[in-house]
Amino acid sequence: MVRLSVNINKVATLRNARGGNNPDVLRVAQDCERFGAQGITVHPRPDERHIRYADVLAIKPLVTTEFNIEGYPTPEFIELVKRVHPHQVTLVPDPPTALTSNAGWDTIGCKQQLRDIVAIFVAEGIRTSIFVNADPELVRHAADSGAQRVELYTEPYAANYAQNREQAIAPFVAAAQAAKEVGLELNAGHDLSLQNLRYFAQQIPNLAEVSIGHALICDALYYGLENTIQMYLQQLN
């Protein structure tokens, strides 16, 4: 069974656009779980343009499934993760000014950096995932960091799905096989949607978890949050 973790950053973006507390990010996190999501993902950035550090602290005691914090490992981010102690931390190589994540780690060139950071979280008993492109070599080198999982960056798959889904999925099948060979569990995320999710999950048999935010929140504007989460779960299982 593939787990669905809902990224609630876009809910915080909407709240921040007007100030105040509408929509209530904490309530949405709880509702997502109540509606069937098996996890909550947040990606705090230094400028707090969506999820704020205070949100992360407030959400942790409310989450009853799995809490995943993703982000670039600045000293402030590392300290936040240690303080909150989520079930999972996902390390993403985007700089603080990036609009959104747009590439995975160079697990070869950044190997020592990743080893040092992962060691901090392993010592805290926090499962750690490395955000990577669908490249078998980079996946294999990710295992040298000491992380337990990798998360495949799926934007290239989503961008090419409509043109040729077999061709689009091929690098991800190879990357998933590499993860299995080196003992890494497998997550995936970025631009997965109701249109492309089912095929992805069918072709990647060792997929453990997907993290979906933007598309899911957009769909919720039309279908409602509860119905949308159920629709995504149906695509997965």
Protein backbone atom coordinates (compact mmCIF):
# COMPACT_ATOMS: atom_id res chain seq x y z
CA MET A 1 0.00 0.00 0.00
CA VAL A 2 1.41 3.37 -1.05
CA ARG A 3 0.99 6.05 1.60
CA LEU A 4 -0.33 9.52 0.71
CA SER A 5 1.30 12.44 2.51
CA VAL A 6 -0.45 15.75 1.86
CA ASN A 7 1.79 18.79 1.55
CA ILE A 8 -0.13 21.70 3.09
CA ASN A 9 2.20 24.52 2.04
CA LYS A 10 -0.35 25.95 -0.40
CA VAL A 11 -2.92 26.22 2.38
CA ALA A 12 -0.46 28.36 4.30
CA THR A 13 0.20 30.46 1.17
CA LEU A 14 -3.51 31.26 0.96
CA ARG A 15 -3.65 32.15 4.64
CA ASN A 16 -0.61 34.40 4.41
CA ALA A 17 -2.06 36.29 1.45
CA ARG A 18 -4.60 38.00 3.72
CA GLY A 19 -3.08 37.65 7.17
CA GLY A 20 -5.09 36.26 10.03
CA ASN A 21 -5.80 32.57 10.31
CA ASN A 22 -8.14 31.72 7.44
CA PRO A 23 -7.75 29.01 6.30
CA ASP A 24 -6.59 27.47 9.55
CA VAL A 25 -3.49 25.43 8.68
CA LEU A 26 -3.65 23.38 11.87
CA ARG A 27 -7.26 22.40 11.26
CA VAL A 28 -6.50 21.51 7.64
CA ALA A 29 -3.67 19.21 8.77
CA GLN A 30 -6.05 17.41 11.11
CA ASP A 31 -8.80 17.28 8.49
CA CYS A 32 -6.46 15.78 5.89
CA GLU A 33 -5.75 12.92 8.28
CA ARG A 34 -9.43 12.58 9.16
CA PHE A 35 -10.24 12.36 5.45
CA GLY A 36 -7.78 9.50 4.93
CA ALA A 37 -4.31 10.95 4.33
CA GLN A 38 -1.59 8.84 5.91
CA GLY A 39 0.79 11.73 6.47
CA ILE A 40 1.31 15.49 6.51
CA THR A 41 4.24 17.19 4.76
CA VAL A 42 5.50 20.73 5.27
CA HIS A 43 8.38 22.60 3.64
CA PRO A 44 9.32 25.63 5.74
CA ARG A 45 11.55 28.22 4.07
CA PRO A 46 13.56 30.99 5.76
CA ASP A 47 11.27 33.75 4.45
CA GLU A 48 8.21 31.86 5.79
CA ARG A 49 6.24 32.71 2.66
CA HIS A 50 4.01 29.72 3.27
CA ILE A 51 4.56 27.34 6.21
CA ARG A 52 6.09 29.17 9.16
CA TYR A 53 8.45 27.69 11.70
CA ALA A 54 5.74 28.31 14.33
CA ASP A 55 3.32 26.25 12.22
CA VAL A 56 5.72 23.32 12.21
CA LEU A 57 5.98 23.39 15.99
CA ALA A 58 2.20 23.64 16.37
CA ILE A 59 1.39 20.88 13.88
CA LYS A 60 3.64 18.20 15.38
CA PRO A 61 1.51 17.35 18.45
CA LEU A 62 -1.64 17.26 16.30
CA VAL A 63 -0.43 14.76 13.69
CA THR A 64 -1.57 11.22 14.43
CA THR A 65 -0.22 9.54 11.27
CA GLU A 66 3.20 10.61 9.94
CA PHE A 67 4.84 14.03 9.94
CA ASN A 68 7.38 14.79 7.20
CA ILE A 69 9.43 17.99 7.21
CA GLU A 70 11.29 18.75 4.00
CA GLY A 71 13.74 21.50 3.20
CA TYR A 72 17.25 22.72 2.62
CA PRO A 73 19.49 21.87 5.60
CA THR A 74 20.46 25.30 6.88
CA PRO A 75 21.54 25.39 10.54
CA GLU A 76 18.12 26.85 11.42
CA PHE A 77 16.33 24.05 9.57
CA ILE A 78 18.43 21.38 11.26
CA GLU A 79 17.66 22.83 14.69
CA LEU A 80 13.95 22.99 13.89
CA VAL A 81 13.87 19.35 12.85
CA LYS A 82 15.75 18.29 15.96
CA ARG A 83 13.33 20.25 18.13
CA VAL A 84 10.17 18.93 16.44
CA HIS A 85 11.47 15.38 15.95
CA PRO A 86 9.20 14.39 13.03
CA HIS A 87 8.82 10.86 11.75
CA GLN A 88 10.74 11.81 8.60
CA VAL A 89 12.94 14.60 7.30
CA THR A 90 13.43 14.99 3.55
CA LEU A 91 16.56 16.85 2.51
CA VAL A 92 16.04 19.02 -0.57
CA PRO A 93 18.89 20.90 -2.31
CA ASP A 94 16.95 24.03 -3.27
CA PRO A 95 18.44 27.32 -2.01
CA PRO A 96 16.31 29.46 0.34
CA THR A 97 15.25 31.81 -2.48
CA ALA A 98 13.96 29.07 -4.81
CA LEU A 99 10.30 29.28 -5.83
CA THR A 100 9.92 25.52 -5.63
CA SER A 101 12.12 22.43 -5.65
CA ASN A 102 13.44 21.87 -9.17
CA ALA A 103 16.23 19.28 -8.93
CA GLY A 104 17.59 16.54 -6.73
CA TRP A 105 20.88 16.32 -4.88
CA ASP A 106 24.21 15.67 -6.53
CA THR A 107 24.79 12.71 -4.25
CA ILE A 108 28.32 12.27 -5.58
CA GLY A 109 29.64 15.81 -5.26
CA CYS A 110 27.71 16.47 -2.02
CA LYS A 111 28.36 13.05 -0.48
CA GLN A 112 30.30 14.25 2.56
CA GLN A 113 27.88 17.10 3.21
CA LEU A 114 24.98 14.66 3.13
CA ARG A 115 26.78 12.17 5.34
CA ASP A 116 27.37 14.83 7.97
CA ILE A 117 23.77 16.05 7.91
CA VAL A 118 22.18 12.60 7.81
CA ALA A 119 24.31 11.54 10.78
CA ILE A 120 22.72 14.30 12.86
CA PHE A 121 19.23 13.03 12.17
CA VAL A 122 20.13 9.35 12.48
CA ALA A 123 21.50 10.12 15.94
CA GLU A 124 18.11 11.65 16.77
CA GLY A 125 16.25 8.59 15.51
CA ILE A 126 14.61 10.49 12.64
CA ARG A 127 14.11 8.67 9.35
CA THR A 128 15.90 10.60 6.63
CA SER A 129 15.14 10.78 2.91
CA ILE A 130 17.28 12.33 0.16
CA PHE A 131 15.54 14.14 -2.73
CA VAL A 132 17.12 12.86 -5.97
CA ASN A 133 16.63 12.87 -9.72
CA ALA A 134 15.65 9.60 -11.39
CA ASP A 135 19.24 8.56 -12.04
CA PRO A 136 20.29 5.09 -10.84
CA GLU A 137 23.86 6.21 -10.16
CA LEU A 138 22.74 9.11 -7.98
CA VAL A 139 20.34 6.81 -6.15
CA ARG A 140 23.11 4.33 -5.42
CA HIS A 141 25.40 7.04 -4.09
CA ALA A 142 22.55 8.33 -1.90
CA ALA A 143 22.82 5.09 0.05
CA ASP A 144 26.34 6.11 1.09
CA SER A 145 24.88 9.04 3.03
CA GLY A 146 23.33 6.73 5.60
CA ALA A 147 19.78 7.79 4.73
CA GLN A 148 17.00 5.22 4.84
CA ARG A 149 15.06 6.53 1.85
CA VAL A 150 15.26 8.53 -1.35
CA GLU A 151 12.47 10.64 -2.81
CA LEU A 152 12.38 10.71 -6.60
CA TYR A 153 11.84 14.15 -8.14
CA THR A 154 8.90 13.45 -10.45
CA GLU A 155 8.44 16.73 -12.36
CA PRO A 156 10.12 15.33 -15.53
CA TYR A 157 7.73 12.38 -15.43
CA ALA A 158 4.71 14.67 -15.05
CA ALA A 159 5.89 16.99 -17.82
CA ASN A 160 6.28 14.14 -20.33
CA TYR A 161 3.43 11.90 -19.25
CA ALA A 162 0.89 13.13 -21.80
CA GLN A 163 3.30 12.76 -24.74
CA ASN A 164 4.63 9.28 -23.98
CA ARG A 165 3.99 7.79 -20.58
CA GLU A 166 6.10 4.68 -21.20
CA GLN A 167 9.09 6.83 -22.07
CA ALA A 168 8.39 9.19 -19.19
CA ILE A 169 8.31 6.43 -16.58
CA ALA A 170 11.38 4.52 -17.81
CA PRO A 171 14.05 6.46 -15.85
CA PHE A 172 11.96 6.13 -12.69
CA VAL A 173 11.64 2.38 -13.05
CA ALA A 174 15.42 2.16 -13.37
CA ALA A 175 15.95 4.46 -10.38
CA ALA A 176 13.48 2.46 -8.30
CA GLN A 177 15.30 -0.75 -9.13
CA ALA A 178 18.58 0.85 -8.07
CA ALA A 179 17.02 1.90 -4.76
CA LYS A 180 15.87 -1.65 -4.14
CA GLU A 181 19.32 -3.03 -4.92
CA VAL A 182 21.05 -0.80 -2.36
CA GLY A 183 18.38 -1.22 0.32
CA LEU A 184 16.75 2.21 0.15
CA GLU A 185 13.02 2.66 0.63
CA LEU A 186 11.36 4.81 -2.00
CA ASN A 187 9.28 7.99 -1.91
CA ALA A 188 8.24 10.24 -4.79
CA GLY A 189 6.91 13.73 -5.26
CA HIS A 190 6.52 16.88 -7.35
CA ASP A 191 3.74 17.50 -9.88
CA LEU A 192 2.07 14.15 -9.32
CA SER A 193 -1.66 14.54 -9.99
CA LEU A 194 -4.94 12.71 -10.60
CA GLN A 195 -3.92 12.45 -14.25
CA ASN A 196 -0.55 10.73 -13.82
CA LEU A 197 -0.49 9.18 -10.34
CA ARG A 198 -2.13 5.81 -10.98
CA TYR A 199 0.24 4.85 -13.78
CA PHE A 200 3.25 5.92 -11.72
CA ALA A 201 2.19 3.81 -8.75
CA GLN A 202 1.46 0.82 -11.00
CA GLN A 203 4.89 0.93 -12.61
CA ILE A 204 6.90 1.45 -9.39
CA PRO A 205 6.05 -1.60 -7.26
CA ASN A 206 8.42 -0.73 -4.39
CA LEU A 207 6.96 2.76 -3.89
CA ALA A 208 6.35 3.47 -0.20
CA GLU A 209 5.03 7.04 -0.14
CA VAL A 210 4.08 10.00 -2.32
CA SER A 211 4.04 13.60 -1.15
CA ILE A 212 1.51 15.72 -3.04
CA GLY A 213 0.58 19.34 -2.43
CA HIS A 214 0.00 21.75 -5.30
CA ALA A 215 -2.15 19.55 -7.54
CA LEU A 216 -4.14 18.14 -4.64
CA ILE A 217 -4.97 21.55 -3.18
CA CYS A 218 -5.92 22.83 -6.65
CA ASP A 219 -8.24 19.84 -7.15
CA ALA A 220 -9.78 20.48 -3.74
CA LEU A 221 -11.05 23.85 -5.00
CA TYR A 222 -13.32 21.93 -7.38
CA TYR A 223 -14.01 18.65 -5.61
CA GLY A 224 -13.65 19.55 -1.92
CA LEU A 225 -10.80 18.44 0.30
CA GLU A 226 -12.33 15.24 1.63
CA ASN A 227 -13.43 14.01 -1.78
CA THR A 228 -10.10 14.96 -3.35
CA ILE A 229 -8.06 13.01 -0.80
CA GLN A 230 -10.26 9.96 -1.43
CA MET A 231 -9.76 10.38 -5.18
CA TYR A 232 -5.98 10.40 -4.75
CA LEU A 233 -6.09 7.35 -2.50
CA GLN A 234 -8.08 5.53 -5.16
CA GLN A 235 -5.39 6.31 -7.71
CA LEU A 236 -2.76 4.82 -5.42
CA ASN A 237 -4.51 1.67 -4.29
